[in-house]
Amino acid sequence: MSDPLALLIAFAYVSLVLGVSEVLRRGFKLSVDLTRKFVHIAVGMIAFPLVLLFQAWQFAIIPPLVFIGVNYVSYRRQIFSGMETGERGQLGTVYFPISFSILIPLLWSSPALLVASLMPMTWGDAFAALIGQRFGARKFAILGQTRSLEGTLAMLVFSWLAVFLTLIFFAQPAAPSFIIALVVALSASIVEALSPFGMDNLTVPLSSALVLVVSQALV
């Protein structure tokens, strides 16, 4: 597939996700928390087609770079309410494509690591929020941020599962992948708990990438 065609598919996919989120919020009256997590997961999963469809990283980096600007404008003007928290200073929707843009040129030659580094934020963080809000009875505070034990455990479990399945998808050996995924999940859970004001969208993918690279070299 040509890179220009892959670009059209990528932009069409994200546009569809944003459109569906608005339909879910307005038409089906789903809460903003649920539509945000839908967007969170759906957009994060674009990492798979990005590495599979694009030939050159110089083209693959265009969608996340564009959405840095789009998401910032949406944050300022609340254009896509289905993906915004409504809280000032929460720039998570901007930080995630920034981290994606940083990782593409660095890990383009290792697609398994590139995609896997985004999975803790894509799945782990989404389920940490959903489970933490619904079942988070055991609270703790760290660096001024209130977390729940249930949410943190969800972050750990879903991060491990998402990273492990991603590595398997890219034909990585099962036994080392199990261990690497566990190490990444543990580090991502710690980093997420320590990251304030939406910064986890930046710190978790970047730290996960570092742990993946080091772990693969050691295991």
N, C-alpha and C. Protein backbone atom coordinates (compact mmCIF):
# COMPACT_ATOMS: atom_id res chain seq x y z
N MET A 1 0.84 -1.20 0.00
CA MET A 1 0.00 0.00 0.00
C MET A 1 0.88 1.25 0.00
N SER A 2 0.46 2.25 -0.77
CA SER A 2 1.22 3.50 -0.83
C SER A 2 1.01 4.31 0.44
N ASP A 3 2.00 5.09 0.80
CA ASP A 3 1.90 5.92 2.01
C ASP A 3 0.79 6.97 1.92
N PRO A 4 0.57 7.63 0.77
CA PRO A 4 -0.55 8.57 0.69
C PRO A 4 -1.90 7.91 0.96
N LEU A 5 -2.10 6.69 0.45
CA LEU A 5 -3.35 5.98 0.72
C LEU A 5 -3.46 5.62 2.20
N ALA A 6 -2.35 5.20 2.79
CA ALA A 6 -2.34 4.89 4.22
C ALA A 6 -2.69 6.13 5.04
N LEU A 7 -2.22 7.29 4.60
CA LEU A 7 -2.57 8.54 5.28
C LEU A 7 -4.07 8.78 5.26
N LEU A 8 -4.68 8.58 4.11
CA LEU A 8 -6.13 8.78 3.99
C LEU A 8 -6.88 7.83 4.93
N ILE A 9 -6.43 6.59 4.99
CA ILE A 9 -7.07 5.61 5.87
C ILE A 9 -6.93 6.02 7.33
N ALA A 10 -5.73 6.47 7.71
CA ALA A 10 -5.48 6.87 9.10
C ALA A 10 -6.37 8.04 9.51
N PHE A 11 -6.44 9.05 8.66
CA PHE A 11 -7.27 10.22 8.99
C PHE A 11 -8.76 9.86 8.98
N ALA A 12 -9.16 8.99 8.06
CA ALA A 12 -10.56 8.56 8.02
C ALA A 12 -10.92 7.79 9.28
N TYR A 13 -10.00 6.94 9.74
CA TYR A 13 -10.24 6.15 10.95
C TYR A 13 -10.43 7.04 12.18
N VAL A 14 -9.51 7.97 12.38
CA VAL A 14 -9.60 8.85 13.55
C VAL A 14 -10.84 9.73 13.46
N SER A 15 -11.15 10.22 12.28
CA SER A 15 -12.36 11.03 12.11
C SER A 15 -13.61 10.23 12.44
N LEU A 16 -13.62 8.97 12.03
CA LEU A 16 -14.74 8.10 12.35
C LEU A 16 -14.86 7.89 13.86
N VAL A 17 -13.73 7.67 14.52
CA VAL A 17 -13.74 7.47 15.98
C VAL A 17 -14.31 8.70 16.68
N LEU A 18 -13.85 9.89 16.29
CA LEU A 18 -14.35 11.12 16.91
C LEU A 18 -15.83 11.31 16.62
N GLY A 19 -16.25 10.99 15.40
CA GLY A 19 -17.66 11.11 15.06
C GLY A 19 -18.53 10.17 15.87
N VAL A 20 -18.08 8.92 16.00
CA VAL A 20 -18.83 7.94 16.79
C VAL A 20 -18.91 8.37 18.25
N SER A 21 -17.82 8.94 18.78
CA SER A 21 -17.84 9.37 20.18
C SER A 21 -18.88 10.46 20.41
N GLU A 22 -19.04 11.36 19.44
CA GLU A 22 -20.05 12.41 19.57
C GLU A 22 -21.46 11.84 19.47
N VAL A 23 -21.64 10.84 18.59
CA VAL A 23 -22.95 10.18 18.48
C VAL A 23 -23.29 9.46 19.78
N LEU A 24 -22.31 8.78 20.36
CA LEU A 24 -22.53 8.08 21.62
C LEU A 24 -22.88 9.05 22.75
N ARG A 25 -22.20 10.19 22.76
CA ARG A 25 -22.44 11.17 23.82
C ARG A 25 -23.78 11.87 23.66
N ARG A 26 -24.05 12.33 22.44
CA ARG A 26 -25.27 13.11 22.21
C ARG A 26 -26.49 12.24 21.95
N GLY A 27 -26.32 11.22 21.10
CA GLY A 27 -27.46 10.40 20.71
C GLY A 27 -27.84 9.35 21.73
N PHE A 28 -26.82 8.70 22.32
CA PHE A 28 -27.08 7.63 23.27
C PHE A 28 -26.88 8.06 24.72
N LYS A 29 -26.55 9.33 24.92
CA LYS A 29 -26.44 9.93 26.25
C LYS A 29 -25.42 9.21 27.14
N LEU A 30 -24.38 8.67 26.52
CA LEU A 30 -23.32 8.08 27.33
C LEU A 30 -22.53 9.19 28.02
N SER A 31 -21.99 8.87 29.17
CA SER A 31 -21.22 9.86 29.92
C SER A 31 -19.94 10.21 29.18
N VAL A 32 -19.43 11.41 29.44
CA VAL A 32 -18.18 11.83 28.82
C VAL A 32 -17.04 10.90 29.23
N ASP A 33 -17.09 10.37 30.46
CA ASP A 33 -16.05 9.45 30.90
C ASP A 33 -15.98 8.22 29.99
N LEU A 34 -17.14 7.69 29.62
CA LEU A 34 -17.17 6.50 28.76
C LEU A 34 -16.74 6.83 27.34
N THR A 35 -17.22 7.95 26.80
CA THR A 35 -16.83 8.30 25.43
C THR A 35 -15.35 8.64 25.35
N ARG A 36 -14.80 9.26 26.41
CA ARG A 36 -13.37 9.55 26.43
C ARG A 36 -12.57 8.26 26.38
N LYS A 37 -12.98 7.26 27.13
CA LYS A 37 -12.25 6.00 27.14
C LYS A 37 -12.40 5.26 25.82
N PHE A 38 -13.57 5.39 25.19
CA PHE A 38 -13.74 4.82 23.86
C PHE A 38 -12.74 5.43 22.89
N VAL A 39 -12.64 6.76 22.89
CA VAL A 39 -11.68 7.46 22.02
C VAL A 39 -10.25 7.07 22.40
N HIS A 40 -9.99 7.03 23.70
CA HIS A 40 -8.68 6.70 24.24
C HIS A 40 -8.18 5.37 23.66
N ILE A 41 -9.02 4.33 23.75
CA ILE A 41 -8.62 3.00 23.28
C ILE A 41 -8.57 2.94 21.76
N ALA A 42 -9.61 3.47 21.11
CA ALA A 42 -9.69 3.38 19.65
C ALA A 42 -8.55 4.11 18.97
N VAL A 43 -8.19 5.29 19.48
CA VAL A 43 -7.10 6.05 18.88
C VAL A 43 -5.75 5.39 19.18
N GLY A 44 -5.60 4.86 20.39
CA GLY A 44 -4.36 4.17 20.72
C GLY A 44 -4.10 2.97 19.84
N MET A 45 -5.18 2.29 19.45
CA MET A 45 -5.04 1.10 18.62
C MET A 45 -4.65 1.41 17.18
N ILE A 46 -4.64 2.69 16.82
CA ILE A 46 -4.20 3.05 15.46
C ILE A 46 -2.71 2.74 15.27
N ALA A 47 -2.02 2.48 16.37
CA ALA A 47 -0.60 2.12 16.27
C ALA A 47 -0.40 0.88 15.41
N PHE A 48 -1.33 -0.07 15.50
CA PHE A 48 -1.20 -1.30 14.70
C PHE A 48 -1.24 -1.02 13.20
N PRO A 49 -2.31 -0.39 12.68
CA PRO A 49 -2.31 -0.12 11.23
C PRO A 49 -1.21 0.84 10.80
N LEU A 50 -0.78 1.72 11.70
CA LEU A 50 0.28 2.65 11.33
C LEU A 50 1.56 1.91 10.97
N VAL A 51 1.95 0.94 11.79
CA VAL A 51 3.20 0.23 11.51
C VAL A 51 3.02 -0.82 10.42
N LEU A 52 1.79 -1.25 10.19
CA LEU A 52 1.55 -2.29 9.18
C LEU A 52 1.29 -1.72 7.78
N LEU A 53 0.72 -0.51 7.72
CA LEU A 53 0.34 0.06 6.43
C LEU A 53 1.38 1.00 5.84
N PHE A 54 2.06 1.75 6.70
CA PHE A 54 3.02 2.74 6.20
C PHE A 54 4.36 2.10 5.87
N GLN A 55 4.98 2.61 4.83
CA GLN A 55 6.30 2.15 4.44
C GLN A 55 7.41 2.98 5.09
N ALA A 56 7.18 4.27 5.21
CA ALA A 56 8.20 5.20 5.73
C ALA A 56 7.68 5.91 6.97
N TRP A 57 8.53 6.03 7.97
CA TRP A 57 8.09 6.69 9.21
C TRP A 57 7.80 8.16 8.98
N GLN A 58 8.43 8.75 7.96
CA GLN A 58 8.19 10.17 7.69
C GLN A 58 6.73 10.43 7.31
N PHE A 59 6.06 9.44 6.76
CA PHE A 59 4.63 9.55 6.49
C PHE A 59 3.81 9.13 7.72
N ALA A 60 4.26 8.09 8.40
CA ALA A 60 3.52 7.57 9.56
C ALA A 60 3.42 8.59 10.68
N ILE A 61 4.39 9.49 10.76
CA ILE A 61 4.39 10.47 11.85
C ILE A 61 3.42 11.61 11.59
N ILE A 62 2.94 11.75 10.36
CA ILE A 62 2.07 12.88 10.02
C ILE A 62 0.76 12.88 10.82
N PRO A 63 0.02 11.75 10.93
CA PRO A 63 -1.23 11.79 11.69
C PRO A 63 -1.07 12.23 13.14
N PRO A 64 -0.14 11.64 13.92
CA PRO A 64 -0.01 12.13 15.30
C PRO A 64 0.43 13.59 15.38
N LEU A 65 1.29 14.03 14.46
CA LEU A 65 1.69 15.45 14.47
C LEU A 65 0.49 16.36 14.22
N VAL A 66 -0.34 15.99 13.26
CA VAL A 66 -1.53 16.79 12.96
C VAL A 66 -2.46 16.83 14.17
N PHE A 67 -2.62 15.69 14.83
CA PHE A 67 -3.58 15.64 15.94
C PHE A 67 -3.04 16.28 17.22
N ILE A 68 -1.77 16.58 17.28
CA ILE A 68 -1.30 17.43 18.38
C ILE A 68 -2.00 18.77 18.29
N GLY A 69 -2.01 19.35 17.09
CA GLY A 69 -2.67 20.63 16.90
C GLY A 69 -4.17 20.55 17.01
N VAL A 70 -4.76 19.53 16.39
CA VAL A 70 -6.22 19.36 16.43
C VAL A 70 -6.70 19.19 17.87
N ASN A 71 -6.01 18.35 18.62
CA ASN A 71 -6.42 18.09 20.00
C ASN A 71 -6.24 19.31 20.89
N TYR A 72 -5.20 20.10 20.61
CA TYR A 72 -5.01 21.31 21.42
C TYR A 72 -6.13 22.31 21.16
N VAL A 73 -6.50 22.47 19.90
CA VAL A 73 -7.60 23.38 19.57
C VAL A 73 -8.90 22.87 20.19
N SER A 74 -9.11 21.55 20.14
CA SER A 74 -10.31 20.97 20.74
C SER A 74 -10.32 21.19 22.25
N TYR A 75 -9.16 21.04 22.87
CA TYR A 75 -9.04 21.28 24.32
C TYR A 75 -9.38 22.72 24.67
N ARG A 76 -8.89 23.65 23.88
CA ARG A 76 -9.12 25.07 24.16
C ARG A 76 -10.57 25.47 23.92
N ARG A 77 -11.18 24.88 22.89
CA ARG A 77 -12.53 25.32 22.49
C ARG A 77 -13.60 24.26 22.72
N GLN A 78 -13.20 23.12 23.30
CA GLN A 78 -14.15 22.04 23.58
C GLN A 78 -14.93 21.64 22.33
N ILE A 79 -14.20 21.44 21.23
CA ILE A 79 -14.84 21.07 19.96
C ILE A 79 -15.32 19.62 20.00
N PHE A 80 -14.43 18.71 20.38
CA PHE A 80 -14.81 17.31 20.49
C PHE A 80 -15.01 16.99 21.97
N SER A 81 -16.19 17.29 22.46
CA SER A 81 -16.46 17.14 23.90
C SER A 81 -16.38 15.69 24.35
N GLY A 82 -16.59 14.77 23.41
CA GLY A 82 -16.56 13.37 23.77
C GLY A 82 -15.21 12.84 24.18
N MET A 83 -14.14 13.63 23.94
CA MET A 83 -12.81 13.15 24.34
C MET A 83 -12.14 14.08 25.35
N GLU A 84 -12.85 15.12 25.80
CA GLU A 84 -12.26 16.09 26.72
C GLU A 84 -12.75 15.88 28.14
N THR A 85 -11.88 16.17 29.11
CA THR A 85 -12.27 16.06 30.51
C THR A 85 -13.08 17.25 30.97
N GLY A 86 -12.89 18.37 30.31
CA GLY A 86 -13.54 19.60 30.75
C GLY A 86 -12.77 20.31 31.85
N GLU A 87 -11.64 19.73 32.29
CA GLU A 87 -10.83 20.32 33.35
C GLU A 87 -9.66 21.07 32.73
N ARG A 88 -9.47 22.30 33.18
CA ARG A 88 -8.36 23.10 32.67
C ARG A 88 -7.04 22.50 33.15
N GLY A 89 -6.06 22.56 32.29
CA GLY A 89 -4.74 22.04 32.65
C GLY A 89 -4.56 20.57 32.35
N GLN A 90 -5.64 19.87 31.92
CA GLN A 90 -5.55 18.46 31.58
C GLN A 90 -5.32 18.30 30.09
N LEU A 91 -4.07 18.21 29.70
CA LEU A 91 -3.70 18.18 28.28
C LEU A 91 -3.34 16.77 27.81
N GLY A 92 -3.95 15.77 28.43
CA GLY A 92 -3.63 14.39 28.07
C GLY A 92 -3.84 14.08 26.61
N THR A 93 -4.90 14.63 26.01
CA THR A 93 -5.18 14.36 24.59
C THR A 93 -4.13 14.98 23.68
N VAL A 94 -3.38 15.94 24.19
CA VAL A 94 -2.28 16.55 23.43
C VAL A 94 -0.98 15.78 23.68
N TYR A 95 -0.77 15.38 24.93
CA TYR A 95 0.48 14.69 25.27
C TYR A 95 0.60 13.33 24.58
N PHE A 96 -0.50 12.61 24.42
CA PHE A 96 -0.41 11.27 23.83
C PHE A 96 0.13 11.30 22.40
N PRO A 97 -0.41 12.14 21.49
CA PRO A 97 0.20 12.18 20.16
C PRO A 97 1.62 12.73 20.15
N ILE A 98 1.96 13.54 21.16
CA ILE A 98 3.36 13.99 21.26
C ILE A 98 4.27 12.79 21.53
N SER A 99 3.89 11.96 22.50
CA SER A 99 4.71 10.78 22.80
C SER A 99 4.75 9.83 21.61
N PHE A 100 3.62 9.69 20.93
CA PHE A 100 3.56 8.85 19.73
C PHE A 100 4.53 9.38 18.67
N SER A 101 4.53 10.68 18.48
CA SER A 101 5.41 11.31 17.47
C SER A 101 6.88 11.14 17.81
N ILE A 102 7.20 11.15 19.09
CA ILE A 102 8.59 10.95 19.52
C ILE A 102 9.04 9.51 19.26
N LEU A 103 8.14 8.57 19.52
CA LEU A 103 8.51 7.16 19.44
C LEU A 103 8.59 6.63 18.02
N ILE A 104 7.82 7.20 17.10
CA ILE A 104 7.81 6.67 15.73
C ILE A 104 9.20 6.65 15.10
N PRO A 105 9.93 7.77 15.06
CA PRO A 105 11.27 7.69 14.44
C PRO A 105 12.26 6.87 15.26
N LEU A 106 12.07 6.83 16.57
CA LEU A 106 13.02 6.11 17.42
C LEU A 106 12.87 4.59 17.31
N LEU A 107 11.62 4.12 17.16
CA LEU A 107 11.37 2.67 17.20
C LEU A 107 10.77 2.12 15.91
N TRP A 108 10.83 2.89 14.84
CA TRP A 108 10.21 2.44 13.59
C TRP A 108 10.78 1.11 13.11
N SER A 109 12.04 0.88 13.35
CA SER A 109 12.66 -0.38 12.91
C SER A 109 12.29 -1.55 13.82
N SER A 110 11.62 -1.27 14.95
CA SER A 110 11.17 -2.32 15.87
C SER A 110 9.68 -2.14 16.13
N PRO A 111 8.84 -2.53 15.17
CA PRO A 111 7.40 -2.26 15.29
C PRO A 111 6.76 -2.88 16.52
N ALA A 112 7.24 -4.04 16.94
CA ALA A 112 6.68 -4.67 18.14
C ALA A 112 6.87 -3.78 19.36
N LEU A 113 8.05 -3.19 19.49
CA LEU A 113 8.34 -2.33 20.64
C LEU A 113 7.59 -1.01 20.53
N LEU A 114 7.47 -0.48 19.32
CA LEU A 114 6.75 0.78 19.13
C LEU A 114 5.30 0.64 19.56
N VAL A 115 4.63 -0.39 19.06
CA VAL A 115 3.22 -0.57 19.40
C VAL A 115 3.05 -0.94 20.87
N ALA A 116 3.90 -1.84 21.35
CA ALA A 116 3.78 -2.29 22.75
C ALA A 116 3.98 -1.14 23.73
N SER A 117 4.83 -0.19 23.40
CA SER A 117 5.08 0.94 24.31
C SER A 117 3.85 1.81 24.50
N LEU A 118 2.91 1.75 23.56
CA LEU A 118 1.69 2.56 23.65
C LEU A 118 0.55 1.82 24.33
N MET A 119 0.67 0.52 24.50
CA MET A 119 -0.44 -0.27 25.02
C MET A 119 -0.76 -0.04 26.50
N PRO A 120 0.23 0.21 27.38
CA PRO A 120 -0.14 0.51 28.76
C PRO A 120 -1.03 1.74 28.89
N MET A 121 -0.77 2.75 28.07
CA MET A 121 -1.61 3.94 28.11
C MET A 121 -2.94 3.68 27.44
N THR A 122 -2.93 2.90 26.37
CA THR A 122 -4.15 2.64 25.61
C THR A 122 -5.14 1.81 26.41
N TRP A 123 -4.70 0.69 26.94
CA TRP A 123 -5.60 -0.22 27.65
C TRP A 123 -5.48 -0.12 29.17
N GLY A 124 -4.25 -0.09 29.67
CA GLY A 124 -4.08 -0.06 31.11
C GLY A 124 -4.68 1.16 31.76
N ASP A 125 -4.36 2.34 31.22
CA ASP A 125 -4.87 3.58 31.81
C ASP A 125 -6.38 3.68 31.66
N ALA A 126 -6.91 3.24 30.53
CA ALA A 126 -8.36 3.31 30.31
C ALA A 126 -9.11 2.48 31.34
N PHE A 127 -8.67 1.26 31.56
CA PHE A 127 -9.36 0.40 32.52
C PHE A 127 -9.04 0.79 33.96
N ALA A 128 -7.88 1.39 34.19
CA ALA A 128 -7.59 1.90 35.53
C ALA A 128 -8.61 2.96 35.92
N ALA A 129 -8.93 3.85 34.97
CA ALA A 129 -9.91 4.90 35.25
C ALA A 129 -11.31 4.33 35.42
N LEU A 130 -11.71 3.44 34.52
CA LEU A 130 -13.06 2.88 34.58
C LEU A 130 -13.28 2.06 35.85
N ILE A 131 -12.35 1.18 36.17
CA ILE A 131 -12.49 0.34 37.35
C ILE A 131 -12.27 1.15 38.62
N GLY A 132 -11.33 2.08 38.58
CA GLY A 132 -11.09 2.93 39.75
C GLY A 132 -12.30 3.76 40.11
N GLN A 133 -12.97 4.32 39.10
CA GLN A 133 -14.16 5.14 39.36
C GLN A 133 -15.33 4.30 39.84
N ARG A 134 -15.43 3.08 39.33
CA ARG A 134 -16.59 2.23 39.66
C ARG A 134 -16.37 1.44 40.95
N PHE A 135 -15.18 0.94 41.16
CA PHE A 135 -14.93 0.04 42.30
C PHE A 135 -13.84 0.55 43.24
N GLY A 136 -13.35 1.75 43.02
CA GLY A 136 -12.21 2.24 43.79
C GLY A 136 -12.56 2.63 45.22
N ALA A 137 -12.56 1.64 46.10
CA ALA A 137 -12.90 1.89 47.51
C ALA A 137 -11.68 2.19 48.35
N ARG A 138 -10.54 1.67 47.96
CA ARG A 138 -9.31 1.84 48.75
C ARG A 138 -8.47 2.94 48.12
N LYS A 139 -8.53 4.11 48.71
CA LYS A 139 -7.86 5.29 48.15
C LYS A 139 -6.49 5.51 48.78
N PHE A 140 -5.60 6.11 48.00
CA PHE A 140 -4.32 6.56 48.54
C PHE A 140 -3.90 7.81 47.78
N ALA A 141 -3.12 8.64 48.42
CA ALA A 141 -2.66 9.89 47.81
C ALA A 141 -1.17 9.81 47.57
N ILE A 142 -0.75 10.32 46.41
CA ILE A 142 0.66 10.35 46.07
C ILE A 142 0.94 11.59 45.24
N LEU A 143 1.85 12.42 45.70
CA LEU A 143 2.20 13.67 45.03
C LEU A 143 0.97 14.54 44.75
N GLY A 144 0.06 14.55 45.71
CA GLY A 144 -1.12 15.39 45.58
C GLY A 144 -2.22 14.80 44.72
N GLN A 145 -2.00 13.60 44.17
CA GLN A 145 -3.00 12.94 43.32
C GLN A 145 -3.65 11.80 44.09
N THR A 146 -4.97 11.70 44.02
CA THR A 146 -5.68 10.62 44.68
C THR A 146 -5.86 9.46 43.71
N ARG A 147 -5.41 8.29 44.13
CA ARG A 147 -5.54 7.08 43.32
C ARG A 147 -6.31 6.04 44.13
N SER A 148 -6.69 4.97 43.46
CA SER A 148 -7.31 3.85 44.15
C SER A 148 -6.49 2.60 43.91
N LEU A 149 -6.48 1.72 44.89
CA LEU A 149 -5.75 0.46 44.76
C LEU A 149 -6.34 -0.37 43.63
N GLU A 150 -7.68 -0.36 43.53
CA GLU A 150 -8.34 -1.13 42.48
C GLU A 150 -7.96 -0.62 41.09
N GLY A 151 -7.92 0.69 40.94
CA GLY A 151 -7.53 1.27 39.66
C GLY A 151 -6.09 0.96 39.29
N THR A 152 -5.21 1.03 40.28
CA THR A 152 -3.80 0.73 40.04
C THR A 152 -3.59 -0.73 39.66
N LEU A 153 -4.33 -1.63 40.32
CA LEU A 153 -4.25 -3.05 39.96
C LEU A 153 -4.78 -3.29 38.55
N ALA A 154 -5.84 -2.56 38.19
CA ALA A 154 -6.37 -2.68 36.82
C ALA A 154 -5.34 -2.20 35.81
N MET A 155 -4.65 -1.12 36.14
CA MET A 155 -3.58 -0.61 35.28
C MET A 155 -2.51 -1.69 35.07
N LEU A 156 -2.14 -2.35 36.14
CA LEU A 156 -1.11 -3.39 36.08
C LEU A 156 -1.56 -4.57 35.21
N VAL A 157 -2.76 -5.07 35.48
CA VAL A 157 -3.24 -6.27 34.79
C VAL A 157 -3.47 -6.01 33.30
N PHE A 158 -4.17 -4.93 32.97
CA PHE A 158 -4.49 -4.67 31.57
C PHE A 158 -3.26 -4.21 30.78
N SER A 159 -2.33 -3.55 31.45
CA SER A 159 -1.08 -3.19 30.77
C SER A 159 -0.29 -4.45 30.43
N TRP A 160 -0.19 -5.35 31.41
CA TRP A 160 0.53 -6.60 31.15
C TRP A 160 -0.12 -7.37 30.01
N LEU A 161 -1.44 -7.52 30.06
CA LEU A 161 -2.14 -8.30 29.03
C LEU A 161 -1.97 -7.67 27.65
N ALA A 162 -2.12 -6.35 27.57
CA ALA A 162 -2.02 -5.66 26.28
C ALA A 162 -0.61 -5.74 25.70
N VAL A 163 0.39 -5.56 26.54
CA VAL A 163 1.78 -5.62 26.06
C VAL A 163 2.13 -7.05 25.64
N PHE A 164 1.74 -8.02 26.46
CA PHE A 164 2.03 -9.42 26.14
C PHE A 164 1.40 -9.84 24.82
N LEU A 165 0.12 -9.53 24.62
CA LEU A 165 -0.57 -9.91 23.39
C LEU A 165 0.01 -9.18 22.18
N THR A 166 0.44 -7.95 22.39
CA THR A 166 1.06 -7.20 21.28
C THR A 166 2.37 -7.85 20.85
N LEU A 167 3.19 -8.21 21.82
CA LEU A 167 4.46 -8.87 21.49
C LEU A 167 4.22 -10.21 20.79
N ILE A 168 3.23 -10.95 21.25
CA ILE A 168 2.89 -12.22 20.60
C ILE A 168 2.39 -11.98 19.18
N PHE A 169 1.58 -10.95 18.99
CA PHE A 169 1.06 -10.61 17.66
C PHE A 169 2.20 -10.38 16.68
N PHE A 170 3.27 -9.76 17.16
CA PHE A 170 4.41 -9.49 16.30
C PHE A 170 5.45 -10.61 16.35
N ALA A 171 4.98 -11.80 16.72
CA ALA A 171 5.79 -13.03 16.65
C ALA A 171 7.01 -13.01 17.55
N GLN A 172 6.91 -12.36 18.69
CA GLN A 172 7.98 -12.41 19.67
C GLN A 172 7.86 -13.69 20.49
N PRO A 173 8.95 -14.27 20.99
CA PRO A 173 8.89 -15.50 21.78
C PRO A 173 8.01 -15.33 23.02
N ALA A 174 7.20 -16.35 23.31
CA ALA A 174 6.19 -16.24 24.37
C ALA A 174 6.79 -16.06 25.77
N ALA A 175 7.76 -16.90 26.11
CA ALA A 175 8.29 -16.86 27.48
C ALA A 175 8.96 -15.52 27.80
N PRO A 176 9.90 -15.04 26.97
CA PRO A 176 10.47 -13.72 27.26
C PRO A 176 9.42 -12.61 27.22
N SER A 177 8.45 -12.73 26.32
CA SER A 177 7.42 -11.70 26.21
C SER A 177 6.59 -11.61 27.48
N PHE A 178 6.34 -12.76 28.11
CA PHE A 178 5.59 -12.79 29.37
C PHE A 178 6.32 -11.97 30.43
N ILE A 179 7.63 -12.20 30.54
CA ILE A 179 8.43 -11.50 31.55
C ILE A 179 8.55 -10.01 31.21
N ILE A 180 8.85 -9.71 29.95
CA ILE A 180 9.00 -8.31 29.54
C ILE A 180 7.71 -7.55 29.77
N ALA A 181 6.58 -8.15 29.42
CA ALA A 181 5.29 -7.49 29.60
C ALA A 181 5.02 -7.19 31.07
N LEU A 182 5.41 -8.11 31.94
CA LEU A 182 5.21 -7.90 33.37
C LEU A 182 6.06 -6.75 33.89
N VAL A 183 7.31 -6.69 33.45
CA VAL A 183 8.20 -5.60 33.86
C VAL A 183 7.67 -4.26 33.36
N VAL A 184 7.22 -4.23 32.11
CA VAL A 184 6.67 -2.99 31.54
C VAL A 184 5.42 -2.57 32.30
N ALA A 185 4.55 -3.53 32.61
CA ALA A 185 3.31 -3.22 33.32
C ALA A 185 3.60 -2.66 34.71
N LEU A 186 4.56 -3.24 35.40
CA LEU A 186 4.92 -2.75 36.73
C LEU A 186 5.46 -1.32 36.65
N SER A 187 6.37 -1.08 35.73
CA SER A 187 6.95 0.26 35.61
C SER A 187 5.89 1.27 35.18
N ALA A 188 5.02 0.87 34.24
CA ALA A 188 3.97 1.78 33.77
C ALA A 188 3.01 2.14 34.88
N SER A 189 2.69 1.18 35.74
CA SER A 189 1.78 1.44 36.86
C SER A 189 2.38 2.42 37.85
N ILE A 190 3.67 2.28 38.10
CA ILE A 190 4.36 3.19 39.01
C ILE A 190 4.44 4.59 38.41
N VAL A 191 4.83 4.67 37.15
CA VAL A 191 4.95 5.96 36.47
C VAL A 191 3.60 6.65 36.40
N GLU A 192 2.55 5.90 36.08
CA GLU A 192 1.21 6.48 36.00
C GLU A 192 0.77 7.06 37.33
N ALA A 193 1.06 6.34 38.42
CA ALA A 193 0.67 6.81 39.75
C ALA A 193 1.41 8.08 40.15
N LEU A 194 2.62 8.27 39.61
CA LEU A 194 3.44 9.42 39.98
C LEU A 194 3.25 10.62 39.04
N SER A 195 2.49 10.43 37.96
CA SER A 195 2.38 11.48 36.93
C SER A 195 1.14 12.34 37.15
N PRO A 196 1.32 13.66 37.31
CA PRO A 196 0.17 14.54 37.55
C PRO A 196 -0.37 15.17 36.28
N PHE A 197 -1.62 15.63 36.35
CA PHE A 197 -2.21 16.53 35.35
C PHE A 197 -2.14 16.02 33.91
N GLY A 198 -2.46 14.75 33.71
CA GLY A 198 -2.48 14.21 32.36
C GLY A 198 -1.11 13.92 31.78
N MET A 199 -0.05 14.16 32.57
CA MET A 199 1.30 13.91 32.07
C MET A 199 1.57 12.44 31.83
N ASP A 200 0.72 11.55 32.38
CA ASP A 200 0.93 10.12 32.16
C ASP A 200 0.83 9.76 30.68
N ASN A 201 0.09 10.56 29.91
CA ASN A 201 0.00 10.33 28.47
C ASN A 201 1.35 10.53 27.77
N LEU A 202 2.24 11.22 28.43
CA LEU A 202 3.59 11.43 27.92
C LEU A 202 4.59 10.51 28.60
N THR A 203 4.51 10.44 29.93
CA THR A 203 5.51 9.70 30.70
C THR A 203 5.37 8.19 30.57
N VAL A 204 4.13 7.69 30.52
CA VAL A 204 3.94 6.23 30.46
C VAL A 204 4.42 5.64 29.13
N PRO A 205 4.03 6.18 27.96
CA PRO A 205 4.55 5.60 26.72
C PRO A 205 6.07 5.69 26.60
N LEU A 206 6.65 6.84 26.99
CA LEU A 206 8.10 7.00 26.84
C LEU A 206 8.86 6.09 27.79
N SER A 207 8.41 6.00 29.04
CA SER A 207 9.08 5.12 29.99
C SER A 207 8.88 3.66 29.60
N SER A 208 7.71 3.32 29.09
CA SER A 208 7.46 1.94 28.65
C SER A 208 8.37 1.57 27.49
N ALA A 209 8.59 2.51 26.58
CA ALA A 209 9.50 2.27 25.46
C ALA A 209 10.90 1.99 25.96
N LEU A 210 11.35 2.78 26.93
CA LEU A 210 12.69 2.59 27.49
C LEU A 210 12.81 1.22 28.15
N VAL A 211 11.81 0.86 28.94
CA VAL A 211 11.84 -0.44 29.62
C VAL A 211 11.81 -1.58 28.61
N LEU A 212 11.02 -1.43 27.55
CA LEU A 212 10.95 -2.46 26.52
C LEU A 212 12.30 -2.66 25.83
N VAL A 213 12.94 -1.57 25.48
CA VAL A 213 14.24 -1.67 24.80
C VAL A 213 15.27 -2.33 25.70
N VAL A 214 15.34 -1.89 26.96
CA VAL A 214 16.31 -2.45 27.90
C VAL A 214 15.99 -3.91 28.20
N SER A 215 14.71 -4.21 28.43
CA SER A 215 14.31 -5.58 28.78
C SER A 215 14.60 -6.55 27.65
N GLN A 216 14.31 -6.13 26.43
CA GLN A 216 14.56 -7.02 25.30
C GLN A 216 16.05 -7.30 25.13
N ALA A 217 16.86 -6.32 25.48
CA ALA A 217 18.31 -6.51 25.38
C ALA A 217 18.83 -7.47 26.45
N LEU A 218 18.13 -7.51 27.59
CA LEU A 218 18.61 -8.31 28.72
C LEU A 218 18.02 -9.71 28.78
N VAL A 219 16.78 -9.85 28.31
CA VAL A 219 16.10 -11.16 28.45
C VAL A 219 16.56 -12.11 27.34
